[in-house]
């Protein structure tokens, strides 16, 4: 089984990527020069830290093995290794697209069955 990495993305931005056939990144990705992803163990903290209270989000599961040398695991300010994609995300690498709603407690509710 291939390793999955995750992107949290506003739904309108992702739907535009689907129409274009590739995802070039959110504004913060473009400013940083790479597309930010999270591992399974990091995605909940990423949602809480960077998307707190935001609605209309999607969780995109991506096959990391399909990204080749453009995917690099790099240290964050806190020292953890995060996956960064230096180039566009081609939709052929996407395995799942799921809604990421807010629960009654204000935290995001991750889809059942997310590995």
PDB file of N, CA and C in Angstrom:
ATOM      1  N   UNK A   1       0.844  -1.190   0.000  1.00  0.00           N
ATOM      2  CA  UNK A   1       0.000   0.000   0.000  1.00  0.00           C
ATOM      3  C   UNK A   1       0.885   1.247   0.000  1.00  0.00           C
ATOM      4  N   UNK A   2       0.513   2.218  -0.772  1.00  0.00           N
ATOM      5  CA  UNK A   2       1.278   3.448  -0.878  1.00  0.00           C
ATOM      6  C   UNK A   2       1.024   4.336   0.331  1.00  0.00           C
ATOM      7  N   UNK A   3       2.002   5.146   0.652  1.00  0.00           N
ATOM      8  CA  UNK A   3       1.865   6.111   1.739  1.00  0.00           C
ATOM      9  C   UNK A   3       0.991   7.262   1.272  1.00  0.00           C
ATOM     10  N   UNK A   4       0.086   7.689   2.138  1.00  0.00           N
ATOM     11  CA  UNK A   4      -0.772   8.821   1.823  1.00  0.00           C
ATOM     12  C   UNK A   4      -0.308  10.046   2.591  1.00  0.00           C
ATOM     13  N   UNK A   5      -0.394  11.198   1.927  1.00  0.00           N
ATOM     14  CA  UNK A   5      -0.210  12.485   2.580  1.00  0.00           C
ATOM     15  C   UNK A   5      -1.492  13.276   2.334  1.00  0.00           C
ATOM     16  N   UNK A   6      -1.676  14.342   3.110  1.00  0.00           N
ATOM     17  CA  UNK A   6      -2.967  15.021   3.110  1.00  0.00           C
ATOM     18  C   UNK A   6      -2.816  16.524   2.915  1.00  0.00           C
ATOM     19  N   UNK A   7      -3.767  17.068   2.166  1.00  0.00           N
ATOM     20  CA  UNK A   7      -3.863  18.506   1.938  1.00  0.00           C
ATOM     21  C   UNK A   7      -5.245  18.951   2.393  1.00  0.00           C
ATOM     22  N   UNK A   8      -5.298  19.982   3.206  1.00  0.00           N
ATOM     23  CA  UNK A   8      -6.571  20.591   3.585  1.00  0.00           C
ATOM     24  C   UNK A   8      -6.735  21.806   2.681  1.00  0.00           C
ATOM     25  N   UNK A   9      -7.894  21.882   2.032  1.00  0.00           N
ATOM     26  CA  UNK A   9      -8.064  22.887   0.987  1.00  0.00           C
ATOM     27  C   UNK A   9      -9.495  23.425   0.996  1.00  0.00           C
ATOM     28  N   UNK A  10      -9.662  24.732   0.828  1.00  0.00           N
ATOM     29  CA  UNK A  10     -11.019  25.269   0.652  1.00  0.00           C
ATOM     30  C   UNK A  10     -11.675  24.641  -0.584  1.00  0.00           C
ATOM     31  N   UNK A  11     -12.921  24.267  -0.450  1.00  0.00           N
ATOM     32  CA  UNK A  11     -13.598  23.562  -1.545  1.00  0.00           C
ATOM     33  C   UNK A  11     -13.608  24.340  -2.856  1.00  0.00           C
ATOM     34  N   UNK A  12     -13.901  25.645  -2.879  1.00  0.00           N
ATOM     35  CA  UNK A  12     -13.899  26.344  -4.174  1.00  0.00           C
ATOM     36  C   UNK A  12     -12.539  26.290  -4.880  1.00  0.00           C
ATOM     37  N   UNK A  13     -11.466  26.381  -4.113  1.00  0.00           N
ATOM     38  CA  UNK A  13     -10.124  26.316  -4.690  1.00  0.00           C
ATOM     39  C   UNK A  13      -9.853  24.933  -5.279  1.00  0.00           C
ATOM     40  N   UNK A  14     -10.296  23.886  -4.565  1.00  0.00           N
ATOM     41  CA  UNK A  14     -10.099  22.528  -5.064  1.00  0.00           C
ATOM     42  C   UNK A  14     -10.946  22.258  -6.306  1.00  0.00           C
ATOM     43  N   UNK A  15     -12.178  22.735  -6.321  1.00  0.00           N
ATOM     44  CA  UNK A  15     -13.046  22.513  -7.487  1.00  0.00           C
ATOM     45  C   UNK A  15     -12.459  23.193  -8.726  1.00  0.00           C
ATOM     46  N   UNK A  16     -11.831  24.347  -8.551  1.00  0.00           N
ATOM     47  CA  UNK A  16     -11.157  25.013  -9.675  1.00  0.00           C
ATOM     48  C   UNK A  16      -9.982  24.165 -10.161  1.00  0.00           C
ATOM     49  N   UNK A  17      -9.276  23.531  -9.233  1.00  0.00           N
ATOM     50  CA  UNK A  17      -8.164  22.651  -9.609  1.00  0.00           C
ATOM     51  C   UNK A  17      -8.667  21.449 -10.392  1.00  0.00           C
ATOM     52  N   UNK A  18      -9.807  20.906  -9.983  1.00  0.00           N
ATOM     53  CA  UNK A  18     -10.374  19.772 -10.715  1.00  0.00           C
ATOM     54  C   UNK A  18     -10.697  20.166 -12.151  1.00  0.00           C
ATOM     55  N   UNK A  19     -11.228  21.361 -12.332  1.00  0.00           N
ATOM     56  CA  UNK A  19     -11.528  21.832 -13.685  1.00  0.00           C
ATOM     57  C   UNK A  19     -10.256  22.033 -14.498  1.00  0.00           C
ATOM     58  N   UNK A  20      -9.198  22.497 -13.834  1.00  0.00           N
ATOM     59  CA  UNK A  20      -7.922  22.750 -14.519  1.00  0.00           C
ATOM     60  C   UNK A  20      -7.121  21.473 -14.755  1.00  0.00           C
ATOM     61  N   UNK A  21      -7.428  20.415 -13.978  1.00  0.00           N
ATOM     62  CA  UNK A  21      -6.694  19.156 -14.125  1.00  0.00           C
ATOM     63  C   UNK A  21      -5.435  19.067 -13.286  1.00  0.00           C
ATOM     64  N   UNK A  22      -5.179  20.100 -12.472  1.00  0.00           N
ATOM     65  CA  UNK A  22      -4.025  20.081 -11.568  1.00  0.00           C
ATOM     66  C   UNK A  22      -4.217  21.152 -10.498  1.00  0.00           C
ATOM     67  N   UNK A  23      -3.519  20.960  -9.389  1.00  0.00           N
ATOM     68  CA  UNK A  23      -3.582  21.899  -8.277  1.00  0.00           C
ATOM     69  C   UNK A  23      -2.214  22.558  -8.137  1.00  0.00           C
ATOM     70  N   UNK A  24      -2.191  23.877  -8.281  1.00  0.00           N
ATOM     71  CA  UNK A  24      -0.931  24.617  -8.184  1.00  0.00           C
ATOM     72  C   UNK A  24      -0.682  25.164  -6.788  1.00  0.00           C
ATOM     73  N   UNK A  25      -1.637  24.994  -5.900  1.00  0.00           N
ATOM     74  CA  UNK A  25      -1.467  25.424  -4.523  1.00  0.00           C
ATOM     75  C   UNK A  25      -2.414  26.533  -4.125  1.00  0.00           C
ATOM     76  N   UNK A  26      -2.568  26.656  -2.825  1.00  0.00           N
ATOM     77  CA  UNK A  26      -3.326  27.756  -2.233  1.00  0.00           C
ATOM     78  C   UNK A  26      -2.421  28.985  -2.203  1.00  0.00           C
ATOM     79  N   UNK A  27      -2.970  30.156  -1.933  1.00  0.00           N
ATOM     80  CA  UNK A  27      -2.126  31.351  -1.898  1.00  0.00           C
ATOM     81  C   UNK A  27      -0.893  31.222  -0.983  1.00  0.00           C
ATOM     82  N   UNK A  28      -1.059  30.599   0.186  1.00  0.00           N
ATOM     83  CA  UNK A  28       0.112  30.453   1.071  1.00  0.00           C
ATOM     84  C   UNK A  28       1.140  29.494   0.479  1.00  0.00           C
ATOM     85  N   UNK A  29       0.690  28.485  -0.251  1.00  0.00           N
ATOM     86  CA  UNK A  29       1.625  27.572  -0.925  1.00  0.00           C
ATOM     87  C   UNK A  29       2.430  28.332  -1.972  1.00  0.00           C
ATOM     88  N   UNK A  30       1.735  29.110  -2.782  1.00  0.00           N
ATOM     89  CA  UNK A  30       2.410  29.856  -3.849  1.00  0.00           C
ATOM     90  C   UNK A  30       3.414  30.844  -3.269  1.00  0.00           C
ATOM     91  N   UNK A  31       3.054  31.465  -2.152  1.00  0.00           N
ATOM     92  CA  UNK A  31       3.972  32.414  -1.513  1.00  0.00           C
ATOM     93  C   UNK A  31       5.224  31.714  -0.995  1.00  0.00           C
ATOM     94  N   UNK A  32       5.075  30.472  -0.524  1.00  0.00           N
ATOM     95  CA  UNK A  32       6.208  29.718   0.030  1.00  0.00           C
ATOM     96  C   UNK A  32       7.008  28.968  -1.026  1.00  0.00           C
ATOM     97  N   UNK A  33       6.438  28.801  -2.227  1.00  0.00           N
ATOM     98  CA  UNK A  33       7.162  28.127  -3.303  1.00  0.00           C
ATOM     99  C   UNK A  33       6.999  26.621  -3.332  1.00  0.00           C
ATOM    100  N   UNK A  34       6.079  26.093  -2.547  1.00  0.00           N
ATOM    101  CA  UNK A  34       5.790  24.660  -2.549  1.00  0.00           C
ATOM    102  C   UNK A  34       4.392  24.445  -1.978  1.00  0.00           C
ATOM    103  N   UNK A  35       3.832  23.257  -2.245  1.00  0.00           N
ATOM    104  CA  UNK A  35       2.513  22.911  -1.707  1.00  0.00           C
ATOM    105  C   UNK A  35       2.715  22.194  -0.380  1.00  0.00           C
ATOM    106  N   UNK A  36       2.087  22.732   0.656  1.00  0.00           N
ATOM    107  CA  UNK A  36       2.162  22.149   1.996  1.00  0.00           C
ATOM    108  C   UNK A  36       1.253  20.925   2.096  1.00  0.00           C
ATOM    109  N   UNK A  37       1.772  19.851   2.647  1.00  0.00           N
ATOM    110  CA  UNK A  37       0.993  18.659   2.963  1.00  0.00           C
ATOM    111  C   UNK A  37       1.252  18.281   4.407  1.00  0.00           C
ATOM    112  N   UNK A  38       0.469  17.343   4.913  1.00  0.00           N
ATOM    113  CA  UNK A  38       0.665  16.782   6.241  1.00  0.00           C
ATOM    114  C   UNK A  38       0.627  15.270   6.141  1.00  0.00           C
ATOM    115  N   UNK A  39       1.341  14.620   7.051  1.00  0.00           N
ATOM    116  CA  UNK A  39       1.222  13.169   7.174  1.00  0.00           C
ATOM    117  C   UNK A  39      -0.082  12.877   7.927  1.00  0.00           C
ATOM    118  N   UNK A  40      -0.438  11.609   8.007  1.00  0.00           N
ATOM    119  CA  UNK A  40      -1.629  11.211   8.759  1.00  0.00           C
ATOM    120  C   UNK A  40      -1.543  11.722  10.196  1.00  0.00           C
ATOM    121  N   UNK A  41      -0.391  11.570  10.817  1.00  0.00           N
ATOM    122  CA  UNK A  41      -0.216  11.975  12.215  1.00  0.00           C
ATOM    123  C   UNK A  41      -0.238  13.488  12.400  1.00  0.00           C
ATOM    124  N   UNK A  42      -0.043  14.239  11.347  1.00  0.00           N
ATOM    125  CA  UNK A  42       0.030  15.699  11.441  1.00  0.00           C
ATOM    126  C   UNK A  42      -1.251  16.418  11.040  1.00  0.00           C
ATOM    127  N   UNK A  43      -2.154  15.746  10.316  1.00  0.00           N
ATOM    128  CA  UNK A  43      -3.268  16.467   9.692  1.00  0.00           C
ATOM    129  C   UNK A  43      -4.232  17.084  10.689  1.00  0.00           C
ATOM    130  N   UNK A  44      -4.474  16.446  11.814  1.00  0.00           N
ATOM    131  CA  UNK A  44      -5.406  17.021  12.789  1.00  0.00           C
ATOM    132  C   UNK A  44      -4.831  18.296  13.410  1.00  0.00           C
ATOM    133  N   UNK A  45      -3.548  18.278  13.725  1.00  0.00           N
ATOM    134  CA  UNK A  45      -2.917  19.476  14.271  1.00  0.00           C
ATOM    135  C   UNK A  45      -2.873  20.588  13.224  1.00  0.00           C
ATOM    136  N   UNK A  46      -2.615  20.215  11.978  1.00  0.00           N
ATOM    137  CA  UNK A  46      -2.617  21.202  10.893  1.00  0.00           C
ATOM    138  C   UNK A  46      -3.988  21.866  10.794  1.00  0.00           C
ATOM    139  N   UNK A  47      -5.046  21.069  10.859  1.00  0.00           N
ATOM    140  CA  UNK A  47      -6.410  21.623  10.790  1.00  0.00           C
ATOM    141  C   UNK A  47      -6.655  22.587  11.941  1.00  0.00           C
ATOM    142  N   UNK A  48      -6.276  22.180  13.151  1.00  0.00           N
ATOM    143  CA  UNK A  48      -6.516  23.016  14.331  1.00  0.00           C
ATOM    144  C   UNK A  48      -5.674  24.289  14.291  1.00  0.00           C
ATOM    145  N   UNK A  49      -4.451  24.188  13.843  1.00  0.00           N
ATOM    146  CA  UNK A  49      -3.533  25.333  13.879  1.00  0.00           C
ATOM    147  C   UNK A  49      -3.775  26.325  12.740  1.00  0.00           C
ATOM    148  N   UNK A  50      -4.024  25.809  11.541  1.00  0.00           N
ATOM    149  CA  UNK A  50      -4.071  26.684  10.366  1.00  0.00           C
ATOM    150  C   UNK A  50      -5.470  26.902   9.781  1.00  0.00           C
ATOM    151  N   UNK A  51      -6.446  26.082  10.207  1.00  0.00           N
ATOM    152  CA  UNK A  51      -7.787  26.177   9.624  1.00  0.00           C
ATOM    153  C   UNK A  51      -8.881  26.254  10.691  1.00  0.00           C
ATOM    154  N   UNK A  52      -8.533  26.645  11.887  1.00  0.00           N
ATOM    155  CA  UNK A  52      -9.475  26.695  13.001  1.00  0.00           C
ATOM    156  C   UNK A  52     -10.715  27.519  12.647  1.00  0.00           C
ATOM    157  N   UNK A  53     -11.870  26.898  12.854  1.00  0.00           N
ATOM    158  CA  UNK A  53     -13.135  27.579  12.621  1.00  0.00           C
ATOM    159  C   UNK A  53     -13.557  27.718  11.170  1.00  0.00           C
ATOM    160  N   UNK A  54     -12.713  27.288  10.247  1.00  0.00           N
ATOM    161  CA  UNK A  54     -13.045  27.437   8.823  1.00  0.00           C
ATOM    162  C   UNK A  54     -13.990  26.328   8.369  1.00  0.00           C
ATOM    163  N   UNK A  55     -14.972  26.741   7.607  1.00  0.00           N
ATOM    164  CA  UNK A  55     -15.911  25.797   7.016  1.00  0.00           C
ATOM    165  C   UNK A  55     -15.577  25.654   5.533  1.00  0.00           C
ATOM    166  N   UNK A  56     -16.304  24.799   4.852  1.00  0.00           N
ATOM    167  CA  UNK A  56     -16.164  24.621   3.403  1.00  0.00           C
ATOM    168  C   UNK A  56     -14.770  24.116   3.016  1.00  0.00           C
ATOM    169  N   UNK A  57     -14.233  23.205   3.859  1.00  0.00           N
ATOM    170  CA  UNK A  57     -12.918  22.629   3.588  1.00  0.00           C
ATOM    171  C   UNK A  57     -13.049  21.200   3.105  1.00  0.00           C
ATOM    172  N   UNK A  58     -12.039  20.772   2.367  1.00  0.00           N
ATOM    173  CA  UNK A  58     -11.928  19.385   1.921  1.00  0.00           C
ATOM    174  C   UNK A  58     -10.608  18.813   2.418  1.00  0.00           C
ATOM    175  N   UNK A  59     -10.601  17.509   2.647  1.00  0.00           N
ATOM    176  CA  UNK A  59      -9.383  16.779   2.971  1.00  0.00           C
ATOM    177  C   UNK A  59      -9.030  15.951   1.741  1.00  0.00           C
ATOM    178  N   UNK A  60      -7.864  16.218   1.185  1.00  0.00           N
ATOM    179  CA  UNK A  60      -7.408  15.562  -0.037  1.00  0.00           C
ATOM    180  C   UNK A  60      -6.339  14.555   0.342  1.00  0.00           C
ATOM    181  N   UNK A  61      -6.569  13.278   0.047  1.00  0.00           N
ATOM    182  CA  UNK A  61      -5.578  12.222   0.306  1.00  0.00           C
ATOM    183  C   UNK A  61      -4.820  11.950  -0.989  1.00  0.00           C
ATOM    184  N   UNK A  62      -3.494  11.996  -0.913  1.00  0.00           N
ATOM    185  CA  UNK A  62      -2.634  11.912  -2.089  1.00  0.00           C
ATOM    186  C   UNK A  62      -1.633  10.778  -1.919  1.00  0.00           C
ATOM    187  N   UNK A  63      -1.427  10.017  -2.976  1.00  0.00           N
ATOM    188  CA  UNK A  63      -0.434   8.942  -3.002  1.00  0.00           C
ATOM    189  C   UNK A  63       0.956   9.571  -3.111  1.00  0.00           C
ATOM    190  N   UNK A  64       1.691   9.578  -2.021  1.00  0.00           N
ATOM    191  CA  UNK A  64       3.006  10.225  -1.984  1.00  0.00           C
ATOM    192  C   UNK A  64       3.982   9.586  -2.962  1.00  0.00           C
ATOM    193  N   UNK A  65       3.855   8.290  -3.187  1.00  0.00           N
ATOM    194  CA  UNK A  65       4.783   7.592  -4.080  1.00  0.00           C
ATOM    195  C   UNK A  65       4.675   8.069  -5.520  1.00  0.00           C
ATOM    196  N   UNK A  66       3.535   8.644  -5.885  1.00  0.00           N
ATOM    197  CA  UNK A  66       3.338   9.107  -7.262  1.00  0.00           C
ATOM    198  C   UNK A  66       3.925  10.494  -7.519  1.00  0.00           C
ATOM    199  N   UNK A  67       4.445  11.141  -6.487  1.00  0.00           N
ATOM    200  CA  UNK A  67       4.913  12.517  -6.635  1.00  0.00           C
ATOM    201  C   UNK A  67       6.388  12.617  -6.997  1.00  0.00           C
ATOM    202  N   UNK A  68       7.108  11.522  -6.866  1.00  0.00           N
ATOM    203  CA  UNK A  68       8.508  11.490  -7.291  1.00  0.00           C
ATOM    204  C   UNK A  68       9.397  12.438  -6.509  1.00  0.00           C
ATOM    205  N   UNK A  69      10.457  12.889  -7.184  1.00  0.00           N
ATOM    206  CA  UNK A  69      11.489  13.715  -6.552  1.00  0.00           C
ATOM    207  C   UNK A  69      10.995  15.112  -6.189  1.00  0.00           C
ATOM    208  N   UNK A  70       9.833  15.516  -6.713  1.00  0.00           N
ATOM    209  CA  UNK A  70       9.300  16.842  -6.388  1.00  0.00           C
ATOM    210  C   UNK A  70       8.794  16.908  -4.945  1.00  0.00           C
ATOM    211  N   UNK A  71       8.591  15.736  -4.315  1.00  0.00           N
ATOM    212  CA  UNK A  71       8.148  15.688  -2.923  1.00  0.00           C
ATOM    213  C   UNK A  71       9.368  15.596  -2.022  1.00  0.00           C
ATOM    214  N   UNK A  72       9.451  16.524  -1.086  1.00  0.00           N
ATOM    215  CA  UNK A  72      10.564  16.532  -0.125  1.00  0.00           C
ATOM    216  C   UNK A  72       9.997  16.624   1.287  1.00  0.00           C
ATOM    217  N   UNK A  73      10.592  15.876   2.194  1.00  0.00           N
ATOM    218  CA  UNK A  73      10.227  15.944   3.605  1.00  0.00           C
ATOM    219  C   UNK A  73      11.204  16.911   4.263  1.00  0.00           C
ATOM    220  N   UNK A  74      10.669  18.033   4.753  1.00  0.00           N
ATOM    221  CA  UNK A  74      11.514  19.091   5.290  1.00  0.00           C
ATOM    222  C   UNK A  74      11.085  19.473   6.701  1.00  0.00           C
ATOM    223  N   UNK A  75      12.050  19.921   7.472  1.00  0.00           N
ATOM    224  CA  UNK A  75      11.798  20.303   8.868  1.00  0.00           C
ATOM    225  C   UNK A  75      11.018  21.610   8.952  1.00  0.00           C
ATOM    226  N   UNK A  76      10.049  21.614   9.842  1.00  0.00           N
ATOM    227  CA  UNK A  76       9.296  22.842  10.132  1.00  0.00           C
ATOM    228  C   UNK A  76      10.046  23.611  11.217  1.00  0.00           C
ATOM    229  N   UNK A  77       9.513  24.764  11.577  1.00  0.00           N
ATOM    230  CA  UNK A  77      10.127  25.554  12.649  1.00  0.00           C
ATOM    231  C   UNK A  77      10.202  24.753  13.944  1.00  0.00           C
ATOM    232  N   UNK A  78       9.226  23.879  14.162  1.00  0.00           N
ATOM    233  CA  UNK A  78       9.208  23.060  15.377  1.00  0.00           C
ATOM    234  C   UNK A  78      10.066  21.812  15.291  1.00  0.00           C
ATOM    235  N   UNK A  79      10.662  21.559  14.128  1.00  0.00           N
ATOM    236  CA  UNK A  79      11.562  20.416  13.970  1.00  0.00           C
ATOM    237  C   UNK A  79      10.939  19.180  13.344  1.00  0.00           C
ATOM    238  N   UNK A  80       9.614  19.122  13.224  1.00  0.00           N
ATOM    239  CA  UNK A  80       8.962  17.959  12.619  1.00  0.00           C
ATOM    240  C   UNK A  80       9.170  17.969  11.101  1.00  0.00           C
ATOM    241  N   UNK A  81       9.216  16.794  10.517  1.00  0.00           N
ATOM    242  CA  UNK A  81       9.332  16.680   9.058  1.00  0.00           C
ATOM    243  C   UNK A  81       7.945  16.740   8.428  1.00  0.00           C
ATOM    244  N   UNK A  82       7.782  17.655   7.468  1.00  0.00           N
ATOM    245  CA  UNK A  82       6.520  17.797   6.748  1.00  0.00           C
ATOM    246  C   UNK A  82       6.762  17.579   5.259  1.00  0.00           C
ATOM    247  N   UNK A  83       5.786  16.987   4.562  1.00  0.00           N
ATOM    248  CA  UNK A  83       5.917  16.809   3.115  1.00  0.00           C
ATOM    249  C   UNK A  83       5.596  18.102   2.366  1.00  0.00           C
ATOM    250  N   UNK A  84       6.497  18.473   1.470  1.00  0.00           N
ATOM    251  CA  UNK A  84       6.335  19.665   0.632  1.00  0.00           C
ATOM    252  C   UNK A  84       6.509  19.255  -0.817  1.00  0.00           C
ATOM    253  N   UNK A  85       5.591  19.675  -1.662  1.00  0.00           N
ATOM    254  CA  UNK A  85       5.646  19.354  -3.089  1.00  0.00           C
ATOM    255  C   UNK A  85       6.102  20.572  -3.874  1.00  0.00           C
ATOM    256  N   UNK A  86       7.244  20.422  -4.541  1.00  0.00           N
ATOM    257  CA  UNK A  86       7.816  21.495  -5.358  1.00  0.00           C
ATOM    258  C   UNK A  86       7.376  21.297  -6.801  1.00  0.00           C
ATOM    259  N   UNK A  87       6.176  21.735  -7.076  1.00  0.00           N
ATOM    260  CA  UNK A  87       5.588  21.601  -8.404  1.00  0.00           C
ATOM    261  C   UNK A  87       4.100  21.383  -8.243  1.00  0.00           C
ATOM    262  N   UNK A  88       3.387  21.290  -9.350  1.00  0.00           N
ATOM    263  CA  UNK A  88       1.933  21.109  -9.272  1.00  0.00           C
ATOM    264  C   UNK A  88       1.570  19.705  -8.804  1.00  0.00           C
ATOM    265  N   UNK A  89       0.396  19.609  -8.217  1.00  0.00           N
ATOM    266  CA  UNK A  89      -0.167  18.309  -7.851  1.00  0.00           C
ATOM    267  C   UNK A  89      -1.033  17.859  -9.017  1.00  0.00           C
ATOM    268  N   UNK A  90      -0.618  16.797  -9.666  1.00  0.00           N
ATOM    269  CA  UNK A  90      -1.421  16.232 -10.749  1.00  0.00           C
ATOM    270  C   UNK A  90      -2.506  15.350 -10.123  1.00  0.00           C
ATOM    271  N   UNK A  91      -3.713  15.502 -10.594  1.00  0.00           N
ATOM    272  CA  UNK A  91      -4.858  14.861  -9.953  1.00  0.00           C
ATOM    273  C   UNK A  91      -4.827  13.343 -10.029  1.00  0.00           C
ATOM    274  N   UNK A  92      -3.996  12.791 -10.885  1.00  0.00           N
ATOM    275  CA  UNK A  92      -3.870  11.333 -10.957  1.00  0.00           C
ATOM    276  C   UNK A  92      -3.309  10.750  -9.668  1.00  0.00           C
ATOM    277  N   UNK A  93      -2.655  11.566  -8.839  1.00  0.00           N
ATOM    278  CA  UNK A  93      -2.094  11.099  -7.568  1.00  0.00           C
ATOM    279  C   UNK A  93      -3.112  11.167  -6.422  1.00  0.00           C
ATOM    280  N   UNK A  94      -4.267  11.777  -6.661  1.00  0.00           N
ATOM    281  CA  UNK A  94      -5.279  11.942  -5.616  1.00  0.00           C
ATOM    282  C   UNK A  94      -6.047  10.634  -5.433  1.00  0.00           C
ATOM    283  N   UNK A  95      -6.164  10.208  -4.198  1.00  0.00           N
ATOM    284  CA  UNK A  95      -6.876   8.967  -3.880  1.00  0.00           C
ATOM    285  C   UNK A  95      -8.263   9.201  -3.306  1.00  0.00           C
ATOM    286  N   UNK A  96      -8.440  10.273  -2.548  1.00  0.00           N
ATOM    287  CA  UNK A  96      -9.744  10.573  -1.942  1.00  0.00           C
ATOM    288  C   UNK A  96      -9.901  12.071  -1.771  1.00  0.00           C
ATOM    289  N   UNK A  97     -11.135  12.513  -1.898  1.00  0.00           N
ATOM    290  CA  UNK A  97     -11.502  13.894  -1.594  1.00  0.00           C
ATOM    291  C   UNK A  97     -12.733  13.801  -0.692  1.00  0.00           C
ATOM    292  N   UNK A  98     -12.596  14.297   0.533  1.00  0.00           N
ATOM    293  CA  UNK A  98     -13.673  14.186   1.528  1.00  0.00           C
ATOM    294  C   UNK A  98     -13.949  15.552   2.145  1.00  0.00           C
ATOM    295  N   UNK A  99     -15.196  15.791   2.478  1.00  0.00           N
ATOM    296  CA  UNK A  99     -15.544  17.033   3.190  1.00  0.00           C
ATOM    297  C   UNK A  99     -14.928  16.998   4.589  1.00  0.00           C
ATOM    298  N   UNK A 100     -14.579  18.175   5.084  1.00  0.00           N
ATOM    299  CA  UNK A 100     -13.987  18.310   6.415  1.00  0.00           C
ATOM    300  C   UNK A 100     -14.804  19.338   7.214  1.00  0.00           C
ATOM    301  N   UNK A 101     -15.973  18.905   7.693  1.00  0.00           N
ATOM    302  CA  UNK A 101     -16.867  19.845   8.382  1.00  0.00           C
ATOM    303  C   UNK A 101     -16.410  20.132   9.814  1.00  0.00           C
ATOM    304  N   UNK A 102     -17.030  21.146  10.389  1.00  0.00           N
ATOM    305  CA  UNK A 102     -16.810  21.444  11.798  1.00  0.00           C
ATOM    306  C   UNK A 102     -17.835  20.689  12.630  1.00  0.00           C
ATOM    307  N   UNK A 103     -17.389  20.154  13.752  1.00  0.00           N
ATOM    308  CA  UNK A 103     -18.288  19.495  14.686  1.00  0.00           C
ATOM    309  C   UNK A 103     -18.880  20.505  15.651  1.00  0.00           C
ATOM    310  N   UNK A 104     -19.784  20.064  16.521  1.00  0.00           N
ATOM    311  CA  UNK A 104     -20.425  20.966  17.484  1.00  0.00           C
ATOM    312  C   UNK A 104     -19.430  21.652  18.420  1.00  0.00           C
ATOM    313  N   UNK A 105     -18.283  21.019  18.629  1.00  0.00           N
ATOM    314  CA  UNK A 105     -17.267  21.597  19.513  1.00  0.00           C
ATOM    315  C   UNK A 105     -16.350  22.585  18.788  1.00  0.00           C
ATOM    316  N   UNK A 106     -16.578  22.776  17.477  1.00  0.00           N
ATOM    317  CA  UNK A 106     -15.767  23.700  16.695  1.00  0.00           C
ATOM    318  C   UNK A 106     -14.521  23.083  16.082  1.00  0.00           C
ATOM    319  N   UNK A 107     -14.252  21.815  16.406  1.00  0.00           N
ATOM    320  CA  UNK A 107     -13.111  21.108  15.808  1.00  0.00           C
ATOM    321  C   UNK A 107     -13.568  20.435  14.517  1.00  0.00           C
ATOM    322  N   UNK A 108     -12.642  20.250  13.597  1.00  0.00           N
ATOM    323  CA  UNK A 108     -12.985  19.570  12.347  1.00  0.00           C
ATOM    324  C   UNK A 108     -13.250  18.085  12.594  1.00  0.00           C
ATOM    325  N   UNK A 109     -14.215  17.567  11.866  1.00  0.00           N
ATOM    326  CA  UNK A 109     -14.593  16.162  11.958  1.00  0.00           C
ATOM    327  C   UNK A 109     -13.999  15.442  10.767  1.00  0.00           C
ATOM    328  N   UNK A 110     -13.035  14.577  11.041  1.00  0.00           N
ATOM    329  CA  UNK A 110     -12.358  13.861   9.966  1.00  0.00           C
ATOM    330  C   UNK A 110     -13.212  12.688   9.506  1.00  0.00           C
ATOM    331  N   UNK A 111     -13.158  12.386   8.190  1.00  0.00           N
ATOM    332  CA  UNK A 111     -13.998  11.315   7.650  1.00  0.00           C
ATOM    333  C   UNK A 111     -13.687   9.963   8.277  1.00  0.00           C
ATOM    334  N   UNK A 112     -14.725   9.173   8.415  1.00  0.00           N
ATOM    335  CA  UNK A 112     -14.531   7.799   8.879  1.00  0.00           C
ATOM    336  C   UNK A 112     -13.761   7.040   7.794  1.00  0.00           C
ATOM    337  N   UNK A 113     -12.926   6.140   8.217  1.00  0.00           N
ATOM    338  CA  UNK A 113     -12.182   5.337   7.259  1.00  0.00           C
ATOM    339  C   UNK A 113     -10.935   5.999   6.728  1.00  0.00           C
ATOM    340  N   UNK A 114     -10.605   7.209   7.204  1.00  0.00           N
ATOM    341  CA  UNK A 114      -9.337   7.800   6.789  1.00  0.00           C
ATOM    342  C   UNK A 114      -8.264   6.982   7.504  1.00  0.00           C
ATOM    343  N   UNK A 115      -7.342   6.432   6.721  1.00  0.00           N
ATOM    344  CA  UNK A 115      -6.345   5.545   7.347  1.00  0.00           C
ATOM    345  C   UNK A 115      -5.594   6.214   8.469  1.00  0.00           C
TER     346      UNK A 115
END
